[in-house]
Each structure stands twice: as C-alpha cells, then as structure tokens.
Amino acid sequence: MELQSNGSSVKSHQSTPSAENNIVPPGTTKRRAQNREAQRRFRRKREDAQKGLEEKINRLEVECQELSKKLSQKSEQALELQGEWRELQEQVQELRKQGQMLVRVVVRQPAVVESLVSLLPPAAVTQL
C-alpha cells in the first residue's frame, strides 16, 4: 500500500505472480500424484473395511435373533421337562408307598399273600 499526499491509502497494483514463481520443483508433481493416489487407496480401503464391518454387524444381528429364538424354545422345553420330572417324582413316591404297604402285608399276613398267589394263573406264578 502506498500513502498519497492527502493521507489516503491506495493499493498498488502488483502483477500476478511471475512465471518464475509458478515453477514447481522437479518431482513435486509426481509426489502430489502419488499422494492423491495413496489417499484414494486409503479411502477405498477404509470404505471396504467399513462395509465389511457393517456386513458383520448384520450377520451377528441375524445370528443373535436366531440364538434368542432357540434360547426361548429351549427354555420352554426345560419348563416342560421340569413339570414332567415333578410328575414322575410324585409317581415314584406313590409307588414307594404302595411297595411299603405290600411289604407290610407280606410280613404281617403271609396267608393272605398265599391266597392271592393261588388266584394267579400258573404262568404268572412261575415268573414270581
């Protein structure tokens, strides 16, 4: 900027940079091209990695849903089996009571057992 005699400033017109200033040092153009290509490869690799991770997320979400469904089914089966187990336990207790009663009858009243055995068919008696 230059000052005029009246105190105002005026921009001096400078010419655009000369051709000397636009000269690029040797190898710079090649290096810039290499940097651009490296950046493209980096972006492509990053995008591919991101797509791979998104696909993995989708697969894992589907697998998670399937496993949740299987877990629910297995939980229902476990509850059913627990119910069956309780019923079988009750049957075992009942059979034990009946067995104890039969033992008491045999021990206390052998004549009753002999009369019951005489009512059985001969094939059944041989198996006893």
Protein backbone atom coordinates (compact mmCIF):
# COMPACT_ATOMS: atom_id res chain seq x y z
CA MET A 1 0.00 0.00 0.00
CA GLU A 2 1.14 3.44 -0.72
CA LEU A 3 0.19 6.66 1.04
CA GLN A 4 -0.90 9.58 -1.08
CA SER A 5 -0.22 13.17 -0.19
CA ASN A 6 -3.81 13.63 1.05
CA GLY A 7 -3.36 10.83 3.62
CA SER A 8 -5.48 8.20 1.94
CA SER A 9 -4.02 4.87 1.10
CA VAL A 10 -4.10 3.35 -2.32
CA LYS A 11 -3.31 -0.23 -3.21
CA SER A 12 -0.54 -0.52 -5.64
CA HIS A 13 -1.28 -2.83 -8.48
CA GLN A 14 1.01 -5.75 -8.36
CA SER A 15 1.09 -8.13 -11.22
CA THR A 16 0.19 -11.75 -10.82
CA PRO A 17 3.00 -13.95 -9.72
CA SER A 18 5.54 -14.26 -12.40
CA ALA A 19 6.22 -17.44 -14.28
CA GLU A 20 9.29 -17.85 -12.13
CA ASN A 21 7.10 -18.23 -9.03
CA ASN A 22 4.90 -20.89 -10.73
CA ILE A 23 7.77 -23.22 -11.40
CA VAL A 24 7.29 -26.41 -9.45
CA PRO A 25 10.43 -28.08 -8.22
CA PRO A 26 11.21 -31.32 -10.04
CA GLY A 27 9.45 -34.38 -8.57
CA THR A 28 6.78 -32.31 -6.79
CA THR A 29 4.12 -33.02 -9.41
CA LYS A 30 4.91 -36.71 -9.29
CA ARG A 31 4.84 -36.68 -5.50
CA ARG A 32 1.47 -34.90 -5.45
CA ALA A 33 0.05 -37.50 -7.83
CA GLN A 34 1.39 -40.26 -5.60
CA ASN A 35 -0.16 -38.61 -2.55
CA ARG A 36 -3.54 -38.33 -4.30
CA GLU A 37 -3.38 -41.99 -5.31
CA ALA A 38 -2.36 -43.02 -1.80
CA GLN A 39 -5.27 -41.03 -0.39
CA ARG A 40 -7.68 -42.71 -2.86
CA ARG A 41 -6.39 -46.14 -1.85
CA PHE A 42 -6.69 -45.23 1.82
CA ARG A 43 -10.31 -44.05 1.36
CA ARG A 44 -11.20 -47.16 -0.65
CA LYS A 45 -9.61 -49.41 1.98
CA ARG A 46 -11.44 -47.56 4.77
CA GLU A 47 -14.77 -47.85 2.89
CA ASP A 48 -14.19 -51.56 2.26
CA ALA A 49 -13.38 -52.10 5.93
CA GLN A 50 -16.50 -50.17 6.94
CA LYS A 51 -18.67 -52.21 4.56
CA GLY A 52 -17.13 -55.40 5.93
CA LEU A 53 -17.91 -54.33 9.48
CA GLU A 54 -21.48 -53.40 8.55
CA GLU A 55 -21.97 -56.82 6.93
CA LYS A 56 -20.53 -58.49 10.03
CA ILE A 57 -22.91 -56.48 12.22
CA ASN A 58 -25.85 -57.60 10.08
CA ARG A 59 -24.75 -61.26 10.24
CA LEU A 60 -24.28 -61.06 14.00
CA GLU A 61 -27.68 -59.42 14.48
CA VAL A 62 -29.34 -62.23 12.50
CA GLU A 63 -27.38 -64.83 14.46
CA CYS A 64 -28.35 -63.13 17.71
CA GLN A 65 -32.02 -63.24 16.77
CA GLU A 66 -31.76 -66.93 15.85
CA LEU A 67 -29.98 -67.73 19.11
CA SER A 68 -32.57 -65.79 21.09
CA LYS A 69 -35.32 -67.78 19.40
CA LYS A 70 -33.52 -71.07 20.17
CA LEU A 71 -32.98 -70.00 23.77
CA SER A 72 -36.66 -69.24 24.13
CA GLN A 73 -37.57 -72.67 22.71
CA LYS A 74 -35.08 -74.42 24.98
CA SER A 75 -36.42 -72.51 27.98
CA GLU A 76 -39.94 -73.70 27.16
CA GLN A 77 -38.67 -77.27 26.79
CA ALA A 78 -36.86 -77.01 30.12
CA LEU A 79 -40.07 -75.87 31.83
CA GLU A 80 -41.98 -78.78 30.28
CA LEU A 81 -39.30 -81.24 31.39
CA GLN A 82 -39.34 -79.82 34.91
CA GLY A 83 -43.10 -80.38 35.02
CA GLU A 84 -42.70 -83.95 33.78
CA TRP A 85 -39.92 -84.54 36.31
CA ARG A 86 -42.17 -83.36 39.16
CA GLU A 87 -44.95 -85.68 37.97
CA LEU A 88 -42.52 -88.60 37.81
CA GLN A 89 -41.22 -87.78 41.29
CA GLU A 90 -44.78 -87.87 42.59
CA GLN A 91 -45.36 -91.22 40.86
CA VAL A 92 -42.17 -92.61 42.38
CA GLN A 93 -43.28 -91.52 45.85
CA GLU A 94 -46.67 -93.11 45.31
CA LEU A 95 -45.09 -96.36 44.12
CA ARG A 96 -42.77 -96.38 47.14
CA LYS A 97 -45.76 -96.01 49.45
CA GLN A 98 -47.53 -98.86 47.67
CA GLY A 99 -44.38 -101.00 47.85
CA GLN A 100 -44.06 -100.35 51.58
CA MET A 101 -47.70 -101.32 52.07
CA LEU A 102 -47.15 -104.55 50.13
CA VAL A 103 -44.11 -105.40 52.22
CA ARG A 104 -46.14 -104.85 55.41
CA VAL A 105 -48.89 -107.11 54.09
CA VAL A 106 -46.41 -109.84 53.16
CA VAL A 107 -44.65 -109.65 56.51
CA ARG A 108 -47.77 -109.43 58.65
CA GLN A 109 -50.13 -111.67 56.76
CA PRO A 110 -48.34 -114.36 54.70
CA ALA A 111 -51.59 -116.36 54.46
CA VAL A 112 -53.24 -113.51 52.52
CA VAL A 113 -50.33 -113.47 50.09
CA GLU A 114 -50.57 -117.24 49.59
CA SER A 115 -54.28 -116.98 48.85
CA LEU A 116 -53.64 -114.16 46.37
CA VAL A 117 -50.91 -116.14 44.67
CA SER A 118 -53.28 -119.10 44.32
CA LEU A 119 -55.60 -116.86 42.31
CA LEU A 120 -52.89 -116.08 39.75
CA PRO A 121 -52.52 -118.14 36.57
CA PRO A 122 -49.73 -120.74 36.73
CA ALA A 123 -47.57 -118.88 34.18
CA ALA A 124 -47.58 -115.77 36.34
CA VAL A 125 -46.63 -117.77 39.45
CA THR A 126 -43.54 -119.23 37.78
CA GLN A 127 -42.31 -115.74 36.99
CA LEU A 128 -42.50 -114.75 40.66
